[in-house]
PDBML (XML) file of the C-alpha atoms, coordinates in Angstrom:
<?xml version="1.0" encoding="UTF-8" ?>
<PDBx:datablock datablockName="MODEL"
   xmlns:PDBx="http://pdbml.pdb.org/schema/pdbx-v50.xsd"
   xmlns:xsi="http://www.w3.org/2001/XMLSchema-instance"
   xsi:schemaLocation="http://pdbml.pdb.org/schema/pdbx-v50.xsd pdbx-v50.xsd">
   <PDBx:atom_siteCategory>
      <PDBx:atom_site id="1">
         <PDBx:B_iso_or_equiv>0.00</PDBx:B_iso_or_equiv>
         <PDBx:Cartn_x>44.209</PDBx:Cartn_x>
         <PDBx:Cartn_y>-29.289</PDBx:Cartn_y>
         <PDBx:Cartn_z>-35.663</PDBx:Cartn_z>
         <PDBx:auth_asym_id>A</PDBx:auth_asym_id>
         <PDBx:auth_atom_id>CA</PDBx:auth_atom_id>
         <PDBx:auth_comp_id>GLU</PDBx:auth_comp_id>
         <PDBx:auth_seq_id>1</PDBx:auth_seq_id>
         <PDBx:group_PDB>ATOM</PDBx:group_PDB>
         <PDBx:label_alt_id xsi:nil="true" />
         <PDBx:label_asym_id>A</PDBx:label_asym_id>
         <PDBx:label_atom_id>CA</PDBx:label_atom_id>
         <PDBx:label_comp_id>GLU</PDBx:label_comp_id>
         <PDBx:label_entity_id>1</PDBx:label_entity_id>
         <PDBx:label_seq_id>1</PDBx:label_seq_id>
         <PDBx:occupancy>1.00</PDBx:occupancy>
         <PDBx:pdbx_PDB_model_num>1</PDBx:pdbx_PDB_model_num>
         <PDBx:type_symbol>C</PDBx:type_symbol>
      </PDBx:atom_site>
      <PDBx:atom_site id="2">
         <PDBx:B_iso_or_equiv>0.00</PDBx:B_iso_or_equiv>
         <PDBx:Cartn_x>41.613</PDBx:Cartn_x>
         <PDBx:Cartn_y>-31.399</PDBx:Cartn_y>
         <PDBx:Cartn_z>-34.908</PDBx:Cartn_z>
         <PDBx:auth_asym_id>A</PDBx:auth_asym_id>
         <PDBx:auth_atom_id>CA</PDBx:auth_atom_id>
         <PDBx:auth_comp_id>LEU</PDBx:auth_comp_id>
         <PDBx:auth_seq_id>2</PDBx:auth_seq_id>
         <PDBx:group_PDB>ATOM</PDBx:group_PDB>
         <PDBx:label_alt_id xsi:nil="true" />
         <PDBx:label_asym_id>A</PDBx:label_asym_id>
         <PDBx:label_atom_id>CA</PDBx:label_atom_id>
         <PDBx:label_comp_id>LEU</PDBx:label_comp_id>
         <PDBx:label_entity_id>1</PDBx:label_entity_id>
         <PDBx:label_seq_id>2</PDBx:label_seq_id>
         <PDBx:occupancy>1.00</PDBx:occupancy>
         <PDBx:pdbx_PDB_model_num>1</PDBx:pdbx_PDB_model_num>
         <PDBx:type_symbol>C</PDBx:type_symbol>
      </PDBx:atom_site>
      <PDBx:atom_site id="3">
         <PDBx:B_iso_or_equiv>0.00</PDBx:B_iso_or_equiv>
         <PDBx:Cartn_x>41.093</PDBx:Cartn_x>
         <PDBx:Cartn_y>-34.865</PDBx:Cartn_y>
         <PDBx:Cartn_z>-33.364</PDBx:Cartn_z>
         <PDBx:auth_asym_id>A</PDBx:auth_asym_id>
         <PDBx:auth_atom_id>CA</PDBx:auth_atom_id>
         <PDBx:auth_comp_id>ASP</PDBx:auth_comp_id>
         <PDBx:auth_seq_id>3</PDBx:auth_seq_id>
         <PDBx:group_PDB>ATOM</PDBx:group_PDB>
         <PDBx:label_alt_id xsi:nil="true" />
         <PDBx:label_asym_id>A</PDBx:label_asym_id>
         <PDBx:label_atom_id>CA</PDBx:label_atom_id>
         <PDBx:label_comp_id>ASP</PDBx:label_comp_id>
         <PDBx:label_entity_id>1</PDBx:label_entity_id>
         <PDBx:label_seq_id>3</PDBx:label_seq_id>
         <PDBx:occupancy>1.00</PDBx:occupancy>
         <PDBx:pdbx_PDB_model_num>1</PDBx:pdbx_PDB_model_num>
         <PDBx:type_symbol>C</PDBx:type_symbol>
      </PDBx:atom_site>
      <PDBx:atom_site id="4">
         <PDBx:B_iso_or_equiv>0.00</PDBx:B_iso_or_equiv>
         <PDBx:Cartn_x>38.219</PDBx:Cartn_x>
         <PDBx:Cartn_y>-36.517</PDBx:Cartn_y>
         <PDBx:Cartn_z>-31.448</PDBx:Cartn_z>
         <PDBx:auth_asym_id>A</PDBx:auth_asym_id>
         <PDBx:auth_atom_id>CA</PDBx:auth_atom_id>
         <PDBx:auth_comp_id>ALA</PDBx:auth_comp_id>
         <PDBx:auth_seq_id>4</PDBx:auth_seq_id>
         <PDBx:group_PDB>ATOM</PDBx:group_PDB>
         <PDBx:label_alt_id xsi:nil="true" />
         <PDBx:label_asym_id>A</PDBx:label_asym_id>
         <PDBx:label_atom_id>CA</PDBx:label_atom_id>
         <PDBx:label_comp_id>ALA</PDBx:label_comp_id>
         <PDBx:label_entity_id>1</PDBx:label_entity_id>
         <PDBx:label_seq_id>4</PDBx:label_seq_id>
         <PDBx:occupancy>1.00</PDBx:occupancy>
         <PDBx:pdbx_PDB_model_num>1</PDBx:pdbx_PDB_model_num>
         <PDBx:type_symbol>C</PDBx:type_symbol>
      </PDBx:atom_site>
      <PDBx:atom_site id="5">
         <PDBx:B_iso_or_equiv>0.00</PDBx:B_iso_or_equiv>
         <PDBx:Cartn_x>37.508</PDBx:Cartn_x>
         <PDBx:Cartn_y>-33.750</PDBx:Cartn_y>
         <PDBx:Cartn_z>-28.719</PDBx:Cartn_z>
         <PDBx:auth_asym_id>A</PDBx:auth_asym_id>
         <PDBx:auth_atom_id>CA</PDBx:auth_atom_id>
         <PDBx:auth_comp_id>ASP</PDBx:auth_comp_id>
         <PDBx:auth_seq_id>5</PDBx:auth_seq_id>
         <PDBx:group_PDB>ATOM</PDBx:group_PDB>
         <PDBx:label_alt_id xsi:nil="true" />
         <PDBx:label_asym_id>A</PDBx:label_asym_id>
         <PDBx:label_atom_id>CA</PDBx:label_atom_id>
         <PDBx:label_comp_id>ASP</PDBx:label_comp_id>
         <PDBx:label_entity_id>1</PDBx:label_entity_id>
         <PDBx:label_seq_id>5</PDBx:label_seq_id>
         <PDBx:occupancy>1.00</PDBx:occupancy>
         <PDBx:pdbx_PDB_model_num>1</PDBx:pdbx_PDB_model_num>
         <PDBx:type_symbol>C</PDBx:type_symbol>
      </PDBx:atom_site>
      <PDBx:atom_site id="6">
         <PDBx:B_iso_or_equiv>0.00</PDBx:B_iso_or_equiv>
         <PDBx:Cartn_x>37.191</PDBx:Cartn_x>
         <PDBx:Cartn_y>-30.946</PDBx:Cartn_y>
         <PDBx:Cartn_z>-31.080</PDBx:Cartn_z>
         <PDBx:auth_asym_id>A</PDBx:auth_asym_id>
         <PDBx:auth_atom_id>CA</PDBx:auth_atom_id>
         <PDBx:auth_comp_id>SER</PDBx:auth_comp_id>
         <PDBx:auth_seq_id>6</PDBx:auth_seq_id>
         <PDBx:group_PDB>ATOM</PDBx:group_PDB>
         <PDBx:label_alt_id xsi:nil="true" />
         <PDBx:label_asym_id>A</PDBx:label_asym_id>
         <PDBx:label_atom_id>CA</PDBx:label_atom_id>
         <PDBx:label_comp_id>SER</PDBx:label_comp_id>
         <PDBx:label_entity_id>1</PDBx:label_entity_id>
         <PDBx:label_seq_id>6</PDBx:label_seq_id>
         <PDBx:occupancy>1.00</PDBx:occupancy>
         <PDBx:pdbx_PDB_model_num>1</PDBx:pdbx_PDB_model_num>
         <PDBx:type_symbol>C</PDBx:type_symbol>
      </PDBx:atom_site>
      <PDBx:atom_site id="7">
         <PDBx:B_iso_or_equiv>0.00</PDBx:B_iso_or_equiv>
         <PDBx:Cartn_x>35.547</PDBx:Cartn_x>
         <PDBx:Cartn_y>-32.757</PDBx:Cartn_y>
         <PDBx:Cartn_z>-34.078</PDBx:Cartn_z>
         <PDBx:auth_asym_id>A</PDBx:auth_asym_id>
         <PDBx:auth_atom_id>CA</PDBx:auth_atom_id>
         <PDBx:auth_comp_id>ALA</PDBx:auth_comp_id>
         <PDBx:auth_seq_id>7</PDBx:auth_seq_id>
         <PDBx:group_PDB>ATOM</PDBx:group_PDB>
         <PDBx:label_alt_id xsi:nil="true" />
         <PDBx:label_asym_id>A</PDBx:label_asym_id>
         <PDBx:label_atom_id>CA</PDBx:label_atom_id>
         <PDBx:label_comp_id>ALA</PDBx:label_comp_id>
         <PDBx:label_entity_id>1</PDBx:label_entity_id>
         <PDBx:label_seq_id>7</PDBx:label_seq_id>
         <PDBx:occupancy>1.00</PDBx:occupancy>
         <PDBx:pdbx_PDB_model_num>1</PDBx:pdbx_PDB_model_num>
         <PDBx:type_symbol>C</PDBx:type_symbol>
      </PDBx:atom_site>
      <PDBx:atom_site id="8">
         <PDBx:B_iso_or_equiv>0.00</PDBx:B_iso_or_equiv>
         <PDBx:Cartn_x>32.153</PDBx:Cartn_x>
         <PDBx:Cartn_y>-30.849</PDBx:Cartn_y>
         <PDBx:Cartn_z>-34.006</PDBx:Cartn_z>
         <PDBx:auth_asym_id>A</PDBx:auth_asym_id>
         <PDBx:auth_atom_id>CA</PDBx:auth_atom_id>
         <PDBx:auth_comp_id>GLY</PDBx:auth_comp_id>
         <PDBx:auth_seq_id>8</PDBx:auth_seq_id>
         <PDBx:group_PDB>ATOM</PDBx:group_PDB>
         <PDBx:label_alt_id xsi:nil="true" />
         <PDBx:label_asym_id>A</PDBx:label_asym_id>
         <PDBx:label_atom_id>CA</PDBx:label_atom_id>
         <PDBx:label_comp_id>GLY</PDBx:label_comp_id>
         <PDBx:label_entity_id>1</PDBx:label_entity_id>
         <PDBx:label_seq_id>8</PDBx:label_seq_id>
         <PDBx:occupancy>1.00</PDBx:occupancy>
         <PDBx:pdbx_PDB_model_num>1</PDBx:pdbx_PDB_model_num>
         <PDBx:type_symbol>C</PDBx:type_symbol>
      </PDBx:atom_site>
      <PDBx:atom_site id="9">
         <PDBx:B_iso_or_equiv>0.00</PDBx:B_iso_or_equiv>
         <PDBx:Cartn_x>29.024</PDBx:Cartn_x>
         <PDBx:Cartn_y>-31.465</PDBx:Cartn_y>
         <PDBx:Cartn_z>-36.151</PDBx:Cartn_z>
         <PDBx:auth_asym_id>A</PDBx:auth_asym_id>
         <PDBx:auth_atom_id>CA</PDBx:auth_atom_id>
         <PDBx:auth_comp_id>GLU</PDBx:auth_comp_id>
         <PDBx:auth_seq_id>9</PDBx:auth_seq_id>
         <PDBx:group_PDB>ATOM</PDBx:group_PDB>
         <PDBx:label_alt_id xsi:nil="true" />
         <PDBx:label_asym_id>A</PDBx:label_asym_id>
         <PDBx:label_atom_id>CA</PDBx:label_atom_id>
         <PDBx:label_comp_id>GLU</PDBx:label_comp_id>
         <PDBx:label_entity_id>1</PDBx:label_entity_id>
         <PDBx:label_seq_id>9</PDBx:label_seq_id>
         <PDBx:occupancy>1.00</PDBx:occupancy>
         <PDBx:pdbx_PDB_model_num>1</PDBx:pdbx_PDB_model_num>
         <PDBx:type_symbol>C</PDBx:type_symbol>
      </PDBx:atom_site>
      <PDBx:atom_site id="10">
         <PDBx:B_iso_or_equiv>0.00</PDBx:B_iso_or_equiv>
         <PDBx:Cartn_x>29.976</PDBx:Cartn_x>
         <PDBx:Cartn_y>-30.620</PDBx:Cartn_y>
         <PDBx:Cartn_z>-39.681</PDBx:Cartn_z>
         <PDBx:auth_asym_id>A</PDBx:auth_asym_id>
         <PDBx:auth_atom_id>CA</PDBx:auth_atom_id>
         <PDBx:auth_comp_id>ASP</PDBx:auth_comp_id>
         <PDBx:auth_seq_id>10</PDBx:auth_seq_id>
         <PDBx:group_PDB>ATOM</PDBx:group_PDB>
         <PDBx:label_alt_id xsi:nil="true" />
         <PDBx:label_asym_id>A</PDBx:label_asym_id>
         <PDBx:label_atom_id>CA</PDBx:label_atom_id>
         <PDBx:label_comp_id>ASP</PDBx:label_comp_id>
         <PDBx:label_entity_id>1</PDBx:label_entity_id>
         <PDBx:label_seq_id>10</PDBx:label_seq_id>
         <PDBx:occupancy>1.00</PDBx:occupancy>
         <PDBx:pdbx_PDB_model_num>1</PDBx:pdbx_PDB_model_num>
         <PDBx:type_symbol>C</PDBx:type_symbol>
      </PDBx:atom_site>
      <PDBx:atom_site id="11">
         <PDBx:B_iso_or_equiv>0.00</PDBx:B_iso_or_equiv>
         <PDBx:Cartn_x>32.661</PDBx:Cartn_x>
         <PDBx:Cartn_y>-32.668</PDBx:Cartn_y>
         <PDBx:Cartn_z>-39.204</PDBx:Cartn_z>
         <PDBx:auth_asym_id>A</PDBx:auth_asym_id>
         <PDBx:auth_atom_id>CA</PDBx:auth_atom_id>
         <PDBx:auth_comp_id>GLU</PDBx:auth_comp_id>
         <PDBx:auth_seq_id>11</PDBx:auth_seq_id>
         <PDBx:group_PDB>ATOM</PDBx:group_PDB>
         <PDBx:label_alt_id xsi:nil="true" />
         <PDBx:label_asym_id>A</PDBx:label_asym_id>
         <PDBx:label_atom_id>CA</PDBx:label_atom_id>
         <PDBx:label_comp_id>GLU</PDBx:label_comp_id>
         <PDBx:label_entity_id>1</PDBx:label_entity_id>
         <PDBx:label_seq_id>11</PDBx:label_seq_id>
         <PDBx:occupancy>1.00</PDBx:occupancy>
         <PDBx:pdbx_PDB_model_num>1</PDBx:pdbx_PDB_model_num>
         <PDBx:type_symbol>C</PDBx:type_symbol>
      </PDBx:atom_site>
      <PDBx:atom_site id="12">
         <PDBx:B_iso_or_equiv>0.00</PDBx:B_iso_or_equiv>
         <PDBx:Cartn_x>30.935</PDBx:Cartn_x>
         <PDBx:Cartn_y>-35.639</PDBx:Cartn_y>
         <PDBx:Cartn_z>-37.793</PDBx:Cartn_z>
         <PDBx:auth_asym_id>A</PDBx:auth_asym_id>
         <PDBx:auth_atom_id>CA</PDBx:auth_atom_id>
         <PDBx:auth_comp_id>LEU</PDBx:auth_comp_id>
         <PDBx:auth_seq_id>12</PDBx:auth_seq_id>
         <PDBx:group_PDB>ATOM</PDBx:group_PDB>
         <PDBx:label_alt_id xsi:nil="true" />
         <PDBx:label_asym_id>A</PDBx:label_asym_id>
         <PDBx:label_atom_id>CA</PDBx:label_atom_id>
         <PDBx:label_comp_id>LEU</PDBx:label_comp_id>
         <PDBx:label_entity_id>1</PDBx:label_entity_id>
         <PDBx:label_seq_id>12</PDBx:label_seq_id>
         <PDBx:occupancy>1.00</PDBx:occupancy>
         <PDBx:pdbx_PDB_model_num>1</PDBx:pdbx_PDB_model_num>
         <PDBx:type_symbol>C</PDBx:type_symbol>
      </PDBx:atom_site>
      <PDBx:atom_site id="13">
         <PDBx:B_iso_or_equiv>0.00</PDBx:B_iso_or_equiv>
         <PDBx:Cartn_x>28.306</PDBx:Cartn_x>
         <PDBx:Cartn_y>-35.001</PDBx:Cartn_y>
         <PDBx:Cartn_z>-41.036</PDBx:Cartn_z>
         <PDBx:auth_asym_id>A</PDBx:auth_asym_id>
         <PDBx:auth_atom_id>CA</PDBx:auth_atom_id>
         <PDBx:auth_comp_id>ALA</PDBx:auth_comp_id>
         <PDBx:auth_seq_id>13</PDBx:auth_seq_id>
         <PDBx:group_PDB>ATOM</PDBx:group_PDB>
         <PDBx:label_alt_id xsi:nil="true" />
         <PDBx:label_asym_id>A</PDBx:label_asym_id>
         <PDBx:label_atom_id>CA</PDBx:label_atom_id>
         <PDBx:label_comp_id>ALA</PDBx:label_comp_id>
         <PDBx:label_entity_id>1</PDBx:label_entity_id>
         <PDBx:label_seq_id>13</PDBx:label_seq_id>
         <PDBx:occupancy>1.00</PDBx:occupancy>
         <PDBx:pdbx_PDB_model_num>1</PDBx:pdbx_PDB_model_num>
         <PDBx:type_symbol>C</PDBx:type_symbol>
      </PDBx:atom_site>
      <PDBx:atom_site id="14">
         <PDBx:B_iso_or_equiv>0.00</PDBx:B_iso_or_equiv>
         <PDBx:Cartn_x>31.101</PDBx:Cartn_x>
         <PDBx:Cartn_y>-35.070</PDBx:Cartn_y>
         <PDBx:Cartn_z>-43.598</PDBx:Cartn_z>
         <PDBx:auth_asym_id>A</PDBx:auth_asym_id>
         <PDBx:auth_atom_id>CA</PDBx:auth_atom_id>
         <PDBx:auth_comp_id>THR</PDBx:auth_comp_id>
         <PDBx:auth_seq_id>14</PDBx:auth_seq_id>
         <PDBx:group_PDB>ATOM</PDBx:group_PDB>
         <PDBx:label_alt_id xsi:nil="true" />
         <PDBx:label_asym_id>A</PDBx:label_asym_id>
         <PDBx:label_atom_id>CA</PDBx:label_atom_id>
         <PDBx:label_comp_id>THR</PDBx:label_comp_id>
         <PDBx:label_entity_id>1</PDBx:label_entity_id>
         <PDBx:label_seq_id>14</PDBx:label_seq_id>
         <PDBx:occupancy>1.00</PDBx:occupancy>
         <PDBx:pdbx_PDB_model_num>1</PDBx:pdbx_PDB_model_num>
         <PDBx:type_symbol>C</PDBx:type_symbol>
      </PDBx:atom_site>
      <PDBx:atom_site id="15">
         <PDBx:B_iso_or_equiv>0.00</PDBx:B_iso_or_equiv>
         <PDBx:Cartn_x>32.250</PDBx:Cartn_x>
         <PDBx:Cartn_y>-38.895</PDBx:Cartn_y>
         <PDBx:Cartn_z>-41.885</PDBx:Cartn_z>
         <PDBx:auth_asym_id>A</PDBx:auth_asym_id>
         <PDBx:auth_atom_id>CA</PDBx:auth_atom_id>
         <PDBx:auth_comp_id>LEU</PDBx:auth_comp_id>
         <PDBx:auth_seq_id>15</PDBx:auth_seq_id>
         <PDBx:group_PDB>ATOM</PDBx:group_PDB>
         <PDBx:label_alt_id xsi:nil="true" />
         <PDBx:label_asym_id>A</PDBx:label_asym_id>
         <PDBx:label_atom_id>CA</PDBx:label_atom_id>
         <PDBx:label_comp_id>LEU</PDBx:label_comp_id>
         <PDBx:label_entity_id>1</PDBx:label_entity_id>
         <PDBx:label_seq_id>15</PDBx:label_seq_id>
         <PDBx:occupancy>1.00</PDBx:occupancy>
         <PDBx:pdbx_PDB_model_num>1</PDBx:pdbx_PDB_model_num>
         <PDBx:type_symbol>C</PDBx:type_symbol>
      </PDBx:atom_site>
      <PDBx:atom_site id="16">
         <PDBx:B_iso_or_equiv>0.00</PDBx:B_iso_or_equiv>
         <PDBx:Cartn_x>28.276</PDBx:Cartn_x>
         <PDBx:Cartn_y>-39.806</PDBx:Cartn_y>
         <PDBx:Cartn_z>-42.237</PDBx:Cartn_z>
         <PDBx:auth_asym_id>A</PDBx:auth_asym_id>
         <PDBx:auth_atom_id>CA</PDBx:auth_atom_id>
         <PDBx:auth_comp_id>ASP</PDBx:auth_comp_id>
         <PDBx:auth_seq_id>16</PDBx:auth_seq_id>
         <PDBx:group_PDB>ATOM</PDBx:group_PDB>
         <PDBx:label_alt_id xsi:nil="true" />
         <PDBx:label_asym_id>A</PDBx:label_asym_id>
         <PDBx:label_atom_id>CA</PDBx:label_atom_id>
         <PDBx:label_comp_id>ASP</PDBx:label_comp_id>
         <PDBx:label_entity_id>1</PDBx:label_entity_id>
         <PDBx:label_seq_id>16</PDBx:label_seq_id>
         <PDBx:occupancy>1.00</PDBx:occupancy>
         <PDBx:pdbx_PDB_model_num>1</PDBx:pdbx_PDB_model_num>
         <PDBx:type_symbol>C</PDBx:type_symbol>
      </PDBx:atom_site>
      <PDBx:atom_site id="17">
         <PDBx:B_iso_or_equiv>0.00</PDBx:B_iso_or_equiv>
         <PDBx:Cartn_x>28.352</PDBx:Cartn_x>
         <PDBx:Cartn_y>-38.356</PDBx:Cartn_y>
         <PDBx:Cartn_z>-45.547</PDBx:Cartn_z>
         <PDBx:auth_asym_id>A</PDBx:auth_asym_id>
         <PDBx:auth_atom_id>CA</PDBx:auth_atom_id>
         <PDBx:auth_comp_id>GLU</PDBx:auth_comp_id>
         <PDBx:auth_seq_id>17</PDBx:auth_seq_id>
         <PDBx:group_PDB>ATOM</PDBx:group_PDB>
         <PDBx:label_alt_id xsi:nil="true" />
         <PDBx:label_asym_id>A</PDBx:label_asym_id>
         <PDBx:label_atom_id>CA</PDBx:label_atom_id>
         <PDBx:label_comp_id>GLU</PDBx:label_comp_id>
         <PDBx:label_entity_id>1</PDBx:label_entity_id>
         <PDBx:label_seq_id>17</PDBx:label_seq_id>
         <PDBx:occupancy>1.00</PDBx:occupancy>
         <PDBx:pdbx_PDB_model_num>1</PDBx:pdbx_PDB_model_num>
         <PDBx:type_symbol>C</PDBx:type_symbol>
      </PDBx:atom_site>
      <PDBx:atom_site id="18">
         <PDBx:B_iso_or_equiv>0.00</PDBx:B_iso_or_equiv>
         <PDBx:Cartn_x>31.363</PDBx:Cartn_x>
         <PDBx:Cartn_y>-40.110</PDBx:Cartn_y>
         <PDBx:Cartn_z>-46.856</PDBx:Cartn_z>
         <PDBx:auth_asym_id>A</PDBx:auth_asym_id>
         <PDBx:auth_atom_id>CA</PDBx:auth_atom_id>
         <PDBx:auth_comp_id>PHE</PDBx:auth_comp_id>
         <PDBx:auth_seq_id>18</PDBx:auth_seq_id>
         <PDBx:group_PDB>ATOM</PDBx:group_PDB>
         <PDBx:label_alt_id xsi:nil="true" />
         <PDBx:label_asym_id>A</PDBx:label_asym_id>
         <PDBx:label_atom_id>CA</PDBx:label_atom_id>
         <PDBx:label_comp_id>PHE</PDBx:label_comp_id>
         <PDBx:label_entity_id>1</PDBx:label_entity_id>
         <PDBx:label_seq_id>18</PDBx:label_seq_id>
         <PDBx:occupancy>1.00</PDBx:occupancy>
         <PDBx:pdbx_PDB_model_num>1</PDBx:pdbx_PDB_model_num>
         <PDBx:type_symbol>C</PDBx:type_symbol>
      </PDBx:atom_site>
      <PDBx:atom_site id="19">
         <PDBx:B_iso_or_equiv>0.00</PDBx:B_iso_or_equiv>
         <PDBx:Cartn_x>30.027</PDBx:Cartn_x>
         <PDBx:Cartn_y>-43.701</PDBx:Cartn_y>
         <PDBx:Cartn_z>-44.785</PDBx:Cartn_z>
         <PDBx:auth_asym_id>A</PDBx:auth_asym_id>
         <PDBx:auth_atom_id>CA</PDBx:auth_atom_id>
         <PDBx:auth_comp_id>LEU</PDBx:auth_comp_id>
         <PDBx:auth_seq_id>19</PDBx:auth_seq_id>
         <PDBx:group_PDB>ATOM</PDBx:group_PDB>
         <PDBx:label_alt_id xsi:nil="true" />
         <PDBx:label_asym_id>A</PDBx:label_asym_id>
         <PDBx:label_atom_id>CA</PDBx:label_atom_id>
         <PDBx:label_comp_id>LEU</PDBx:label_comp_id>
         <PDBx:label_entity_id>1</PDBx:label_entity_id>
         <PDBx:label_seq_id>19</PDBx:label_seq_id>
         <PDBx:occupancy>1.00</PDBx:occupancy>
         <PDBx:pdbx_PDB_model_num>1</PDBx:pdbx_PDB_model_num>
         <PDBx:type_symbol>C</PDBx:type_symbol>
      </PDBx:atom_site>
      <PDBx:atom_site id="20">
         <PDBx:B_iso_or_equiv>0.00</PDBx:B_iso_or_equiv>
         <PDBx:Cartn_x>27.046</PDBx:Cartn_x>
         <PDBx:Cartn_y>-43.689</PDBx:Cartn_y>
         <PDBx:Cartn_z>-47.155</PDBx:Cartn_z>
         <PDBx:auth_asym_id>A</PDBx:auth_asym_id>
         <PDBx:auth_atom_id>CA</PDBx:auth_atom_id>
         <PDBx:auth_comp_id>ASP</PDBx:auth_comp_id>
         <PDBx:auth_seq_id>20</PDBx:auth_seq_id>
         <PDBx:group_PDB>ATOM</PDBx:group_PDB>
         <PDBx:label_alt_id xsi:nil="true" />
         <PDBx:label_asym_id>A</PDBx:label_asym_id>
         <PDBx:label_atom_id>CA</PDBx:label_atom_id>
         <PDBx:label_comp_id>ASP</PDBx:label_comp_id>
         <PDBx:label_entity_id>1</PDBx:label_entity_id>
         <PDBx:label_seq_id>20</PDBx:label_seq_id>
         <PDBx:occupancy>1.00</PDBx:occupancy>
         <PDBx:pdbx_PDB_model_num>1</PDBx:pdbx_PDB_model_num>
         <PDBx:type_symbol>C</PDBx:type_symbol>
      </PDBx:atom_site>
      <PDBx:atom_site id="21">
         <PDBx:B_iso_or_equiv>0.00</PDBx:B_iso_or_equiv>
         <PDBx:Cartn_x>29.068</PDBx:Cartn_x>
         <PDBx:Cartn_y>-43.069</PDBx:Cartn_y>
         <PDBx:Cartn_z>-49.601</PDBx:Cartn_z>
         <PDBx:auth_asym_id>A</PDBx:auth_asym_id>
         <PDBx:auth_atom_id>CA</PDBx:auth_atom_id>
         <PDBx:auth_comp_id>ALA</PDBx:auth_comp_id>
         <PDBx:auth_seq_id>21</PDBx:auth_seq_id>
         <PDBx:group_PDB>ATOM</PDBx:group_PDB>
         <PDBx:label_alt_id xsi:nil="true" />
         <PDBx:label_asym_id>A</PDBx:label_asym_id>
         <PDBx:label_atom_id>CA</PDBx:label_atom_id>
         <PDBx:label_comp_id>ALA</PDBx:label_comp_id>
         <PDBx:label_entity_id>1</PDBx:label_entity_id>
         <PDBx:label_seq_id>21</PDBx:label_seq_id>
         <PDBx:occupancy>1.00</PDBx:occupancy>
         <PDBx:pdbx_PDB_model_num>1</PDBx:pdbx_PDB_model_num>
         <PDBx:type_symbol>C</PDBx:type_symbol>
      </PDBx:atom_site>
      <PDBx:atom_site id="22">
         <PDBx:B_iso_or_equiv>0.00</PDBx:B_iso_or_equiv>
         <PDBx:Cartn_x>31.390</PDBx:Cartn_x>
         <PDBx:Cartn_y>-46.252</PDBx:Cartn_y>
         <PDBx:Cartn_z>-49.556</PDBx:Cartn_z>
         <PDBx:auth_asym_id>A</PDBx:auth_asym_id>
         <PDBx:auth_atom_id>CA</PDBx:auth_atom_id>
         <PDBx:auth_comp_id>LEU</PDBx:auth_comp_id>
         <PDBx:auth_seq_id>22</PDBx:auth_seq_id>
         <PDBx:group_PDB>ATOM</PDBx:group_PDB>
         <PDBx:label_alt_id xsi:nil="true" />
         <PDBx:label_asym_id>A</PDBx:label_asym_id>
         <PDBx:label_atom_id>CA</PDBx:label_atom_id>
         <PDBx:label_comp_id>LEU</PDBx:label_comp_id>
         <PDBx:label_entity_id>1</PDBx:label_entity_id>
         <PDBx:label_seq_id>22</PDBx:label_seq_id>
         <PDBx:occupancy>1.00</PDBx:occupancy>
         <PDBx:pdbx_PDB_model_num>1</PDBx:pdbx_PDB_model_num>
         <PDBx:type_symbol>C</PDBx:type_symbol>
      </PDBx:atom_site>
      <PDBx:atom_site id="23">
         <PDBx:B_iso_or_equiv>0.00</PDBx:B_iso_or_equiv>
         <PDBx:Cartn_x>27.930</PDBx:Cartn_x>
         <PDBx:Cartn_y>-48.319</PDBx:Cartn_y>
         <PDBx:Cartn_z>-48.325</PDBx:Cartn_z>
         <PDBx:auth_asym_id>A</PDBx:auth_asym_id>
         <PDBx:auth_atom_id>CA</PDBx:auth_atom_id>
         <PDBx:auth_comp_id>GLU</PDBx:auth_comp_id>
         <PDBx:auth_seq_id>23</PDBx:auth_seq_id>
         <PDBx:group_PDB>ATOM</PDBx:group_PDB>
         <PDBx:label_alt_id xsi:nil="true" />
         <PDBx:label_asym_id>A</PDBx:label_asym_id>
         <PDBx:label_atom_id>CA</PDBx:label_atom_id>
         <PDBx:label_comp_id>GLU</PDBx:label_comp_id>
         <PDBx:label_entity_id>1</PDBx:label_entity_id>
         <PDBx:label_seq_id>23</PDBx:label_seq_id>
         <PDBx:occupancy>1.00</PDBx:occupancy>
         <PDBx:pdbx_PDB_model_num>1</PDBx:pdbx_PDB_model_num>
         <PDBx:type_symbol>C</PDBx:type_symbol>
      </PDBx:atom_site>
      <PDBx:atom_site id="24">
         <PDBx:B_iso_or_equiv>0.00</PDBx:B_iso_or_equiv>
         <PDBx:Cartn_x>26.311</PDBx:Cartn_x>
         <PDBx:Cartn_y>-47.438</PDBx:Cartn_y>
         <PDBx:Cartn_z>-51.096</PDBx:Cartn_z>
         <PDBx:auth_asym_id>A</PDBx:auth_asym_id>
         <PDBx:auth_atom_id>CA</PDBx:auth_atom_id>
         <PDBx:auth_comp_id>ALA</PDBx:auth_comp_id>
         <PDBx:auth_seq_id>24</PDBx:auth_seq_id>
         <PDBx:group_PDB>ATOM</PDBx:group_PDB>
         <PDBx:label_alt_id xsi:nil="true" />
         <PDBx:label_asym_id>A</PDBx:label_asym_id>
         <PDBx:label_atom_id>CA</PDBx:label_atom_id>
         <PDBx:label_comp_id>ALA</PDBx:label_comp_id>
         <PDBx:label_entity_id>1</PDBx:label_entity_id>
         <PDBx:label_seq_id>24</PDBx:label_seq_id>
         <PDBx:occupancy>1.00</PDBx:occupancy>
         <PDBx:pdbx_PDB_model_num>1</PDBx:pdbx_PDB_model_num>
         <PDBx:type_symbol>C</PDBx:type_symbol>
      </PDBx:atom_site>
      <PDBx:atom_site id="25">
         <PDBx:B_iso_or_equiv>0.00</PDBx:B_iso_or_equiv>
         <PDBx:Cartn_x>29.188</PDBx:Cartn_x>
         <PDBx:Cartn_y>-48.452</PDBx:Cartn_y>
         <PDBx:Cartn_z>-53.781</PDBx:Cartn_z>
         <PDBx:auth_asym_id>A</PDBx:auth_asym_id>
         <PDBx:auth_atom_id>CA</PDBx:auth_atom_id>
         <PDBx:auth_comp_id>GLY</PDBx:auth_comp_id>
         <PDBx:auth_seq_id>25</PDBx:auth_seq_id>
         <PDBx:group_PDB>ATOM</PDBx:group_PDB>
         <PDBx:label_alt_id xsi:nil="true" />
         <PDBx:label_asym_id>A</PDBx:label_asym_id>
         <PDBx:label_atom_id>CA</PDBx:label_atom_id>
         <PDBx:label_comp_id>GLY</PDBx:label_comp_id>
         <PDBx:label_entity_id>1</PDBx:label_entity_id>
         <PDBx:label_seq_id>25</PDBx:label_seq_id>
         <PDBx:occupancy>1.00</PDBx:occupancy>
         <PDBx:pdbx_PDB_model_num>1</PDBx:pdbx_PDB_model_num>
         <PDBx:type_symbol>C</PDBx:type_symbol>
      </PDBx:atom_site>
   </PDBx:atom_siteCategory>
</PDBx:datablock>
C-alpha cells in the first residue's frame, strides 16, 4: 500500500522523527 512514490509529507515526517530519536539515543 506504500512505496517511495506514494509516501507523502506525513510519512516522511514520521521517518524524520524516527531518525531524530535514533540520533538522540
